[in-house]
Amino acid sequence: MAVSKTARRSSPQTGKQTFKRSPSVTLIIPYGQGRFARIAQADSPAYPQYEVGSDEFYAALGTLIDAGYETAIETQLTDLGWGEHLEALRASAVEDETEVAEAA
């Protein structure tokens, strides 16, 4: 017995597809004369906005680095002339590693 197109479209999806962002896509989109940036999310097609240099900005970049986009983030920050943010991000990573080592 054939199932109609309407019935197939209305039936629930059995397997949820996960979103995987391509590493070749732009992950950081600056705007507002460099005051703000839209940063890609590794698990979603969204590009939420952040104030450049804020804790949320660094947290969003850290999430992308944890997801395996470290090289792309470093390249894009360098290309944007945002080397100071790259250094701050690296310093933050070193602090996190030191805190983990002290806790152990």
PDB file of N, CA and C in Angstrom:
ATOM      1  N   MET A   1       0.845  -1.174   0.000  1.00  0.00           N
ATOM      2  CA  MET A   1       0.000   0.000   0.000  1.00  0.00           C
ATOM      3  C   MET A   1       0.892   1.240   0.000  1.00  0.00           C
ATOM      4  N   ALA A   2       0.674   2.131  -0.919  1.00  0.00           N
ATOM      5  CA  ALA A   2       1.470   3.346  -1.065  1.00  0.00           C
ATOM      6  C   ALA A   2       1.004   4.398  -0.070  1.00  0.00           C
ATOM      7  N   VAL A   3       1.946   5.151   0.437  1.00  0.00           N
ATOM      8  CA  VAL A   3       1.649   6.226   1.376  1.00  0.00           C
ATOM      9  C   VAL A   3       1.609   7.536   0.589  1.00  0.00           C
ATOM     10  N   SER A   4       0.610   8.347   0.864  1.00  0.00           N
ATOM     11  CA  SER A   4       0.469   9.607   0.135  1.00  0.00           C
ATOM     12  C   SER A   4       1.574  10.594   0.522  1.00  0.00           C
ATOM     13  N   LYS A   5       1.807  11.573  -0.336  1.00  0.00           N
ATOM     14  CA  LYS A   5       2.817  12.595  -0.066  1.00  0.00           C
ATOM     15  C   LYS A   5       2.470  13.370   1.209  1.00  0.00           C
ATOM     16  N   THR A   6       1.207  13.663   1.400  1.00  0.00           N
ATOM     17  CA  THR A   6       0.782  14.403   2.589  1.00  0.00           C
ATOM     18  C   THR A   6       1.079  13.610   3.854  1.00  0.00           C
ATOM     19  N   ALA A   7       0.819  12.323   3.811  1.00  0.00           N
ATOM     20  CA  ALA A   7       1.080  11.487   4.983  1.00  0.00           C
ATOM     21  C   ALA A   7       2.570  11.423   5.285  1.00  0.00           C
ATOM     22  N   ARG A   8       3.415  11.367   4.260  1.00  0.00           N
ATOM     23  CA  ARG A   8       4.859  11.333   4.484  1.00  0.00           C
ATOM     24  C   ARG A   8       5.360  12.642   5.066  1.00  0.00           C
ATOM     25  N   ARG A   9       4.817  13.745   4.584  1.00  0.00           N
ATOM     26  CA  ARG A   9       5.254  15.053   5.077  1.00  0.00           C
ATOM     27  C   ARG A   9       4.807  15.299   6.506  1.00  0.00           C
ATOM     28  N   SER A  10       3.678  14.772   6.889  1.00  0.00           N
ATOM     29  CA  SER A  10       3.155  15.027   8.224  1.00  0.00           C
ATOM     30  C   SER A  10       3.683  14.052   9.267  1.00  0.00           C
ATOM     31  N   SER A  11       4.308  12.972   8.828  1.00  0.00           N
ATOM     32  CA  SER A  11       4.831  12.012   9.803  1.00  0.00           C
ATOM     33  C   SER A  11       6.093  12.575  10.449  1.00  0.00           C
ATOM     34  N   PRO A  12       6.296  12.271  11.723  1.00  0.00           N
ATOM     35  CA  PRO A  12       7.464  12.812  12.422  1.00  0.00           C
ATOM     36  C   PRO A  12       8.765  12.250  11.858  1.00  0.00           C
ATOM     37  N   GLN A  13       9.797  13.072  11.887  1.00  0.00           N
ATOM     38  CA  GLN A  13      11.115  12.631  11.433  1.00  0.00           C
ATOM     39  C   GLN A  13      11.685  11.660  12.466  1.00  0.00           C
ATOM     40  N   THR A  14      12.185  10.550  12.002  1.00  0.00           N
ATOM     41  CA  THR A  14      12.698   9.550  12.932  1.00  0.00           C
ATOM     42  C   THR A  14      14.123   9.849  13.374  1.00  0.00           C
ATOM     43  N   GLY A  15      14.940  10.371  12.511  1.00  0.00           N
ATOM     44  CA  GLY A  15      16.321  10.669  12.866  1.00  0.00           C
ATOM     45  C   GLY A  15      16.591  12.156  12.785  1.00  0.00           C
ATOM     46  N   LYS A  16      16.985  12.746  13.899  1.00  0.00           N
ATOM     47  CA  LYS A  16      17.268  14.182  13.894  1.00  0.00           C
ATOM     48  C   LYS A  16      18.661  14.400  13.324  1.00  0.00           C
ATOM     49  N   GLN A  17      18.739  15.244  12.318  1.00  0.00           N
ATOM     50  CA  GLN A  17      20.026  15.543  11.717  1.00  0.00           C
ATOM     51  C   GLN A  17      20.729  16.609  12.541  1.00  0.00           C
ATOM     52  N   THR A  18      22.017  16.424  12.761  1.00  0.00           N
ATOM     53  CA  THR A  18      22.780  17.413  13.506  1.00  0.00           C
ATOM     54  C   THR A  18      23.438  18.379  12.536  1.00  0.00           C
ATOM     55  N   PHE A  19      23.596  19.601  12.977  1.00  0.00           N
ATOM     56  CA  PHE A  19      24.197  20.637  12.151  1.00  0.00           C
ATOM     57  C   PHE A  19      25.713  20.556  12.274  1.00  0.00           C
ATOM     58  N   LYS A  20      26.402  20.605  11.158  1.00  0.00           N
ATOM     59  CA  LYS A  20      27.868  20.607  11.131  1.00  0.00           C
ATOM     60  C   LYS A  20      28.314  21.754  10.255  1.00  0.00           C
ATOM     61  N   ARG A  21      28.999  22.726  10.861  1.00  0.00           N
ATOM     62  CA  ARG A  21      29.455  23.905  10.136  1.00  0.00           C
ATOM     63  C   ARG A  21      30.747  23.595   9.396  1.00  0.00           C
ATOM     64  N   SER A  22      30.851  24.072   8.181  1.00  0.00           N
ATOM     65  CA  SER A  22      32.050  23.903   7.374  1.00  0.00           C
ATOM     66  C   SER A  22      33.156  24.800   7.931  1.00  0.00           C
ATOM     67  N   PRO A  23      34.380  24.290   8.047  1.00  0.00           N
ATOM     68  CA  PRO A  23      35.470  25.122   8.557  1.00  0.00           C
ATOM     69  C   PRO A  23      35.898  26.218   7.581  1.00  0.00           C
ATOM     70  N   SER A  24      35.473  26.136   6.325  1.00  0.00           N
ATOM     71  CA  SER A  24      35.880  27.137   5.345  1.00  0.00           C
ATOM     72  C   SER A  24      34.979  28.369   5.342  1.00  0.00           C
ATOM     73  N   VAL A  25      33.894  28.350   6.083  1.00  0.00           N
ATOM     74  CA  VAL A  25      32.968  29.480   6.118  1.00  0.00           C
ATOM     75  C   VAL A  25      33.499  30.546   7.090  1.00  0.00           C
ATOM     76  N   THR A  26      33.131  31.790   6.869  1.00  0.00           N
ATOM     77  CA  THR A  26      33.522  32.872   7.759  1.00  0.00           C
ATOM     78  C   THR A  26      32.849  32.677   9.108  1.00  0.00           C
ATOM     79  N   LEU A  27      33.646  32.647  10.167  1.00  0.00           N
ATOM     80  CA  LEU A  27      33.120  32.415  11.512  1.00  0.00           C
ATOM     81  C   LEU A  27      32.897  33.707  12.287  1.00  0.00           C
ATOM     82  N   ILE A  28      33.623  34.770  11.907  1.00  0.00           N
ATOM     83  CA  ILE A  28      33.531  36.056  12.602  1.00  0.00           C
ATOM     84  C   ILE A  28      33.175  37.136  11.583  1.00  0.00           C
ATOM     85  N   ILE A  29      32.056  37.812  11.812  1.00  0.00           N
ATOM     86  CA  ILE A  29      31.625  38.887  10.914  1.00  0.00           C
ATOM     87  C   ILE A  29      31.583  40.180  11.721  1.00  0.00           C
ATOM     88  N   PRO A  30      32.569  41.075  11.526  1.00  0.00           N
ATOM     89  CA  PRO A  30      32.563  42.330  12.274  1.00  0.00           C
ATOM     90  C   PRO A  30      31.571  43.324  11.684  1.00  0.00           C
ATOM     91  N   TYR A  31      31.042  44.182  12.519  1.00  0.00           N
ATOM     92  CA  TYR A  31      30.196  45.281  12.057  1.00  0.00           C
ATOM     93  C   TYR A  31      30.200  46.373  13.112  1.00  0.00           C
ATOM     94  N   GLY A  32      29.564  47.481  12.821  1.00  0.00           N
ATOM     95  CA  GLY A  32      29.549  48.606  13.750  1.00  0.00           C
ATOM     96  C   GLY A  32      30.942  49.182  13.932  1.00  0.00           C
ATOM     97  N   GLN A  33      31.688  49.292  12.831  1.00  0.00           N
ATOM     98  CA  GLN A  33      33.052  49.800  12.815  1.00  0.00           C
ATOM     99  C   GLN A  33      33.959  49.025  13.769  1.00  0.00           C
ATOM    100  N   GLY A  34      33.721  47.711  13.874  1.00  0.00           N
ATOM    101  CA  GLY A  34      34.552  46.840  14.687  1.00  0.00           C
ATOM    102  C   GLY A  34      34.159  46.771  16.147  1.00  0.00           C
ATOM    103  N   ARG A  35      33.089  47.436  16.521  1.00  0.00           N
ATOM    104  CA  ARG A  35      32.650  47.407  17.919  1.00  0.00           C
ATOM    105  C   ARG A  35      31.903  46.115  18.252  1.00  0.00           C
ATOM    106  N   PHE A  36      31.241  45.554  17.271  1.00  0.00           N
ATOM    107  CA  PHE A  36      30.463  44.336  17.463  1.00  0.00           C
ATOM    108  C   PHE A  36      30.888  43.287  16.440  1.00  0.00           C
ATOM    109  N   ALA A  37      30.537  42.048  16.715  1.00  0.00           N
ATOM    110  CA  ALA A  37      30.813  40.972  15.767  1.00  0.00           C
ATOM    111  C   ALA A  37      29.735  39.914  15.900  1.00  0.00           C
ATOM    112  N   ARG A  38      29.431  39.313  14.780  1.00  0.00           N
ATOM    113  CA  ARG A  38      28.567  38.133  14.778  1.00  0.00           C
ATOM    114  C   ARG A  38      29.504  36.938  14.705  1.00  0.00           C
ATOM    115  N   ILE A  39      29.299  35.997  15.621  1.00  0.00           N
ATOM    116  CA  ILE A  39      30.175  34.832  15.707  1.00  0.00           C
ATOM    117  C   ILE A  39      29.338  33.585  15.504  1.00  0.00           C
ATOM    118  N   ALA A  40      29.796  32.751  14.600  1.00  0.00           N
ATOM    119  CA  ALA A  40      29.080  31.517  14.282  1.00  0.00           C
ATOM    120  C   ALA A  40      29.035  30.598  15.497  1.00  0.00           C
ATOM    121  N   GLN A  41      28.016  29.772  15.536  1.00  0.00           N
ATOM    122  CA  GLN A  41      27.926  28.720  16.539  1.00  0.00           C
ATOM    123  C   GLN A  41      28.254  27.406  15.852  1.00  0.00           C
ATOM    124  N   ALA A  42      29.003  26.565  16.524  1.00  0.00           N
ATOM    125  CA  ALA A  42      29.445  25.310  15.919  1.00  0.00           C
ATOM    126  C   ALA A  42      28.291  24.349  15.666  1.00  0.00           C
ATOM    127  N   ASP A  43      27.259  24.384  16.495  1.00  0.00           N
ATOM    128  CA  ASP A  43      26.179  23.409  16.409  1.00  0.00           C
ATOM    129  C   ASP A  43      24.867  23.979  15.886  1.00  0.00           C
ATOM    130  N   SER A  44      24.917  25.186  15.344  1.00  0.00           N
ATOM    131  CA  SER A  44      23.703  25.843  14.883  1.00  0.00           C
ATOM    132  C   SER A  44      24.046  26.776  13.719  1.00  0.00           C
ATOM    133  N   PRO A  45      23.117  27.020  12.818  1.00  0.00           N
ATOM    134  CA  PRO A  45      23.397  27.962  11.725  1.00  0.00           C
ATOM    135  C   PRO A  45      23.328  29.428  12.165  1.00  0.00           C
ATOM    136  N   ALA A  46      23.063  29.685  13.435  1.00  0.00           N
ATOM    137  CA  ALA A  46      22.902  31.047  13.924  1.00  0.00           C
ATOM    138  C   ALA A  46      24.235  31.787  14.042  1.00  0.00           C
ATOM    139  N   TYR A  47      24.162  33.104  13.936  1.00  0.00           N
ATOM    140  CA  TYR A  47      25.304  34.004  14.132  1.00  0.00           C
ATOM    141  C   TYR A  47      24.901  35.065  15.155  1.00  0.00           C
ATOM    142  N   PRO A  48      24.895  34.750  16.454  1.00  0.00           N
ATOM    143  CA  PRO A  48      24.521  35.767  17.437  1.00  0.00           C
ATOM    144  C   PRO A  48      25.551  36.901  17.488  1.00  0.00           C
ATOM    145  N   GLN A  49      25.115  38.061  17.969  1.00  0.00           N
ATOM    146  CA  GLN A  49      26.007  39.210  18.010  1.00  0.00           C
ATOM    147  C   GLN A  49      26.596  39.367  19.404  1.00  0.00           C
ATOM    148  N   TYR A  50      27.825  39.867  19.437  1.00  0.00           N
ATOM    149  CA  TYR A  50      28.537  40.095  20.685  1.00  0.00           C
ATOM    150  C   TYR A  50      29.288  41.410  20.593  1.00  0.00           C
ATOM    151  N   GLU A  51      29.489  42.047  21.731  1.00  0.00           N
ATOM    152  CA  GLU A  51      30.357  43.211  21.775  1.00  0.00           C
ATOM    153  C   GLU A  51      31.788  42.700  21.791  1.00  0.00           C
ATOM    154  N   VAL A  52      32.607  43.223  20.899  1.00  0.00           N
ATOM    155  CA  VAL A  52      33.980  42.763  20.771  1.00  0.00           C
ATOM    156  C   VAL A  52      34.733  43.057  22.065  1.00  0.00           C
ATOM    157  N   GLY A  53      35.405  42.041  22.583  1.00  0.00           N
ATOM    158  CA  GLY A  53      36.192  42.185  23.801  1.00  0.00           C
ATOM    159  C   GLY A  53      35.439  41.827  25.065  1.00  0.00           C
ATOM    160  N   SER A  54      34.146  41.553  24.961  1.00  0.00           N
ATOM    161  CA  SER A  54      33.369  41.206  26.149  1.00  0.00           C
ATOM    162  C   SER A  54      33.625  39.752  26.548  1.00  0.00           C
ATOM    163  N   ASP A  55      33.226  39.396  27.750  1.00  0.00           N
ATOM    164  CA  ASP A  55      33.383  38.020  28.218  1.00  0.00           C
ATOM    165  C   ASP A  55      32.611  37.053  27.326  1.00  0.00           C
ATOM    166  N   GLU A  56      31.423  37.482  26.879  1.00  0.00           N
ATOM    167  CA  GLU A  56      30.605  36.642  26.007  1.00  0.00           C
ATOM    168  C   GLU A  56      31.288  36.414  24.661  1.00  0.00           C
ATOM    169  N   PHE A  57      31.974  37.449  24.170  1.00  0.00           N
ATOM    170  CA  PHE A  57      32.725  37.359  22.916  1.00  0.00           C
ATOM    171  C   PHE A  57      33.787  36.266  23.024  1.00  0.00           C
ATOM    172  N   TYR A  58      34.563  36.324  24.103  1.00  0.00           N
ATOM    173  CA  TYR A  58      35.622  35.326  24.294  1.00  0.00           C
ATOM    174  C   TYR A  58      35.047  33.929  24.552  1.00  0.00           C
ATOM    175  N   ALA A  59      33.920  33.864  25.243  1.00  0.00           N
ATOM    176  CA  ALA A  59      33.283  32.569  25.486  1.00  0.00           C
ATOM    177  C   ALA A  59      32.810  31.945  24.177  1.00  0.00           C
ATOM    178  N   ALA A  60      32.252  32.751  23.287  1.00  0.00           N
ATOM    179  CA  ALA A  60      31.784  32.244  21.987  1.00  0.00           C
ATOM    180  C   ALA A  60      32.961  31.741  21.153  1.00  0.00           C
ATOM    181  N   LEU A  61      34.059  32.498  21.160  1.00  0.00           N
ATOM    182  CA  LEU A  61      35.250  32.047  20.435  1.00  0.00           C
ATOM    183  C   LEU A  61      35.818  30.779  21.059  1.00  0.00           C
ATOM    184  N   GLY A  62      35.814  30.704  22.375  1.00  0.00           N
ATOM    185  CA  GLY A  62      36.297  29.508  23.070  1.00  0.00           C
ATOM    186  C   GLY A  62      35.477  28.272  22.734  1.00  0.00           C
ATOM    187  N   THR A  63      34.180  28.456  22.595  1.00  0.00           N
ATOM    188  CA  THR A  63      33.313  27.336  22.215  1.00  0.00           C
ATOM    189  C   THR A  63      33.669  26.829  20.826  1.00  0.00           C
ATOM    190  N   LEU A  64      33.934  27.749  19.896  1.00  0.00           N
ATOM    191  CA  LEU A  64      34.341  27.337  18.546  1.00  0.00           C
ATOM    192  C   LEU A  64      35.700  26.636  18.563  1.00  0.00           C
ATOM    193  N   ILE A  65      36.602  27.129  19.374  1.00  0.00           N
ATOM    194  CA  ILE A  65      37.921  26.490  19.473  1.00  0.00           C
ATOM    195  C   ILE A  65      37.777  25.081  20.027  1.00  0.00           C
ATOM    196  N   ASP A  66      36.942  24.925  21.048  1.00  0.00           N
ATOM    197  CA  ASP A  66      36.698  23.592  21.618  1.00  0.00           C
ATOM    198  C   ASP A  66      36.067  22.650  20.604  1.00  0.00           C
ATOM    199  N   ALA A  67      35.330  23.215  19.642  1.00  0.00           N
ATOM    200  CA  ALA A  67      34.671  22.404  18.615  1.00  0.00           C
ATOM    201  C   ALA A  67      35.604  22.072  17.454  1.00  0.00           C
ATOM    202  N   GLY A  68      36.865  22.563  17.508  1.00  0.00           N
ATOM    203  CA  GLY A  68      37.828  22.199  16.484  1.00  0.00           C
ATOM    204  C   GLY A  68      38.101  23.256  15.427  1.00  0.00           C
ATOM    205  N   TYR A  69      37.696  24.494  15.676  1.00  0.00           N
ATOM    206  CA  TYR A  69      37.878  25.566  14.695  1.00  0.00           C
ATOM    207  C   TYR A  69      39.015  26.511  15.080  1.00  0.00           C
ATOM    208  N   GLU A  70      39.980  26.045  15.856  1.00  0.00           N
ATOM    209  CA  GLU A  70      41.041  26.902  16.374  1.00  0.00           C
ATOM    210  C   GLU A  70      41.836  27.583  15.257  1.00  0.00           C
ATOM    211  N   THR A  71      42.250  26.820  14.256  1.00  0.00           N
ATOM    212  CA  THR A  71      43.039  27.385  13.156  1.00  0.00           C
ATOM    213  C   THR A  71      42.251  28.454  12.407  1.00  0.00           C
ATOM    214  N   ALA A  72      40.980  28.185  12.137  1.00  0.00           N
ATOM    215  CA  ALA A  72      40.146  29.151  11.423  1.00  0.00           C
ATOM    216  C   ALA A  72      39.952  30.423  12.243  1.00  0.00           C
ATOM    217  N   ILE A  73      39.762  30.294  13.548  1.00  0.00           N
ATOM    218  CA  ILE A  73      39.588  31.458  14.422  1.00  0.00           C
ATOM    219  C   ILE A  73      40.866  32.290  14.439  1.00  0.00           C
ATOM    220  N   GLU A  74      42.011  31.628  14.601  1.00  0.00           N
ATOM    221  CA  GLU A  74      43.286  32.353  14.621  1.00  0.00           C
ATOM    222  C   GLU A  74      43.506  33.105  13.311  1.00  0.00           C
ATOM    223  N   THR A  75      43.242  32.447  12.197  1.00  0.00           N
ATOM    224  CA  THR A  75      43.420  33.073  10.881  1.00  0.00           C
ATOM    225  C   THR A  75      42.508  34.274  10.714  1.00  0.00           C
ATOM    226  N   GLN A  76      41.239  34.119  11.074  1.00  0.00           N
ATOM    227  CA  GLN A  76      40.284  35.203  10.881  1.00  0.00           C
ATOM    228  C   GLN A  76      40.556  36.385  11.801  1.00  0.00           C
ATOM    229  N   LEU A  77      40.954  36.119  13.059  1.00  0.00           N
ATOM    230  CA  LEU A  77      41.293  37.221  13.957  1.00  0.00           C
ATOM    231  C   LEU A  77      42.514  37.981  13.442  1.00  0.00           C
ATOM    232  N   THR A  78      43.493  37.253  12.921  1.00  0.00           N
ATOM    233  CA  THR A  78      44.688  37.882  12.363  1.00  0.00           C
ATOM    234  C   THR A  78      44.329  38.704  11.129  1.00  0.00           C
ATOM    235  N   ASP A  79      43.516  38.149  10.244  1.00  0.00           N
ATOM    236  CA  ASP A  79      43.104  38.857   9.026  1.00  0.00           C
ATOM    237  C   ASP A  79      42.317  40.132   9.339  1.00  0.00           C
ATOM    238  N   LEU A  80      41.563  40.108  10.431  1.00  0.00           N
ATOM    239  CA  LEU A  80      40.782  41.279  10.827  1.00  0.00           C
ATOM    240  C   LEU A  80      41.635  42.329  11.540  1.00  0.00           C
ATOM    241  N   GLY A  81      42.879  41.978  11.852  1.00  0.00           N
ATOM    242  CA  GLY A  81      43.737  42.893  12.597  1.00  0.00           C
ATOM    243  C   GLY A  81      43.409  42.916  14.074  1.00  0.00           C
ATOM    244  N   TRP A  82      42.830  41.846  14.562  1.00  0.00           N
ATOM    245  CA  TRP A  82      42.416  41.744  15.955  1.00  0.00           C
ATOM    246  C   TRP A  82      43.376  40.846  16.734  1.00  0.00           C
ATOM    247  N   GLY A  83      44.663  41.069  16.556  1.00  0.00           N
ATOM    248  CA  GLY A  83      45.677  40.276  17.235  1.00  0.00           C
ATOM    249  C   GLY A  83      45.588  40.364  18.747  1.00  0.00           C
ATOM    250  N   GLU A  84      45.171  41.532  19.260  1.00  0.00           N
ATOM    251  CA  GLU A  84      45.052  41.688  20.714  1.00  0.00           C
ATOM    252  C   GLU A  84      43.988  40.751  21.284  1.00  0.00           C
ATOM    253  N   HIS A  85      42.954  40.480  20.515  1.00  0.00           N
ATOM    254  CA  HIS A  85      41.910  39.561  20.979  1.00  0.00           C
ATOM    255  C   HIS A  85      42.400  38.118  20.921  1.00  0.00           C
ATOM    256  N   LEU A  86      43.224  37.827  19.932  1.00  0.00           N
ATOM    257  CA  LEU A  86      43.818  36.497  19.830  1.00  0.00           C
ATOM    258  C   LEU A  86      44.727  36.246  21.028  1.00  0.00           C
ATOM    259  N   GLU A  87      45.530  37.240  21.399  1.00  0.00           N
ATOM    260  CA  GLU A  87      46.417  37.104  22.559  1.00  0.00           C
ATOM    261  C   GLU A  87      45.612  36.956  23.846  1.00  0.00           C
ATOM    262  N   ALA A  88      44.532  37.718  23.989  1.00  0.00           N
ATOM    263  CA  ALA A  88      43.678  37.621  25.175  1.00  0.00           C
ATOM    264  C   ALA A  88      43.029  36.241  25.257  1.00  0.00           C
ATOM    265  N   LEU A  89      42.647  35.715  24.110  1.00  0.00           N
ATOM    266  CA  LEU A  89      42.036  34.386  24.060  1.00  0.00           C
ATOM    267  C   LEU A  89      43.050  33.318  24.464  1.00  0.00           C
ATOM    268  N   ARG A  90      44.275  33.442  23.977  1.00  0.00           N
ATOM    269  CA  ARG A  90      45.331  32.495  24.345  1.00  0.00           C
ATOM    270  C   ARG A  90      45.653  32.595  25.838  1.00  0.00           C
ATOM    271  N   ALA A  91      45.718  33.820  26.369  1.00  0.00           N
ATOM    272  CA  ALA A  91      45.997  34.010  27.790  1.00  0.00           C
ATOM    273  C   ALA A  91      44.891  33.393  28.643  1.00  0.00           C
ATOM    274  N   SER A  92      43.664  33.526  28.190  1.00  0.00           N
ATOM    275  CA  SER A  92      42.532  32.936  28.898  1.00  0.00           C
ATOM    276  C   SER A  92      42.635  31.414  28.922  1.00  0.00           C
ATOM    277  N   ALA A  93      43.066  30.834  27.815  1.00  0.00           N
ATOM    278  CA  ALA A  93      43.219  29.378  27.734  1.00  0.00           C
ATOM    279  C   ALA A  93      44.311  28.901  28.679  1.00  0.00           C
ATOM    280  N   VAL A  94      45.394  29.655  28.796  1.00  0.00           N
ATOM    281  CA  VAL A  94      46.483  29.293  29.708  1.00  0.00           C
ATOM    282  C   VAL A  94      46.007  29.373  31.148  1.00  0.00           C
ATOM    283  N   GLU A  95      45.226  30.419  31.484  1.00  0.00           N
ATOM    284  CA  GLU A  95      44.679  30.554  32.831  1.00  0.00           C
ATOM    285  C   GLU A  95      43.771  29.380  33.166  1.00  0.00           C
ATOM    286  N   ASP A  96      42.940  28.966  32.217  1.00  0.00           N
ATOM    287  CA  ASP A  96      42.038  27.833  32.443  1.00  0.00           C
ATOM    288  C   ASP A  96      42.832  26.556  32.710  1.00  0.00           C
ATOM    289  N   GLU A  97      43.895  26.333  31.938  1.00  0.00           N
ATOM    290  CA  GLU A  97      44.721  25.144  32.138  1.00  0.00           C
ATOM    291  C   GLU A  97      45.412  25.182  33.497  1.00  0.00           C
ATOM    292  N   THR A  98      45.856  26.357  33.928  1.00  0.00           N
ATOM    293  CA  THR A  98      46.518  26.500  35.229  1.00  0.00           C
ATOM    294  C   THR A  98      45.548  26.215  36.358  1.00  0.00           C
ATOM    295  N   GLU A  99      44.308  26.708  36.241  1.00  0.00           N
ATOM    296  CA  GLU A  99      43.302  26.450  37.273  1.00  0.00           C
ATOM    297  C   GLU A  99      42.984  24.969  37.374  1.00  0.00           C
ATOM    298  N   VAL A 100      42.915  24.277  36.259  1.00  0.00           N
ATOM    299  CA  VAL A 100      42.644  22.843  36.260  1.00  0.00           C
ATOM    300  C   VAL A 100      43.791  22.098  36.927  1.00  0.00           C
ATOM    301  N   ALA A 101      45.019  22.484  36.618  1.00  0.00           N
ATOM    302  CA  ALA A 101      46.194  21.826  37.186  1.00  0.00           C
ATOM    303  C   ALA A 101      46.271  22.059  38.697  1.00  0.00           C
ATOM    304  N   GLU A 102      45.933  23.268  39.153  1.00  0.00           N
ATOM    305  CA  GLU A 102      45.952  23.561  40.590  1.00  0.00           C
ATOM    306  C   GLU A 102      44.863  22.808  41.336  1.00  0.00           C
ATOM    307  N   ALA A 103      43.738  22.581  40.691  1.00  0.00           N
ATOM    308  CA  ALA A 103      42.631  21.866  41.336  1.00  0.00           C
ATOM    309  C   ALA A 103      42.941  20.385  41.513  1.00  0.00           C
ATOM    310  N   ALA A 104      43.818  19.851  40.669  1.00  0.00           N
ATOM    311  CA  ALA A 104      44.151  18.416  40.739  1.00  0.00           C
ATOM    312  C   ALA A 104      45.184  18.112  41.776  1.00  0.00           C
TER     313      ALA A 104
END
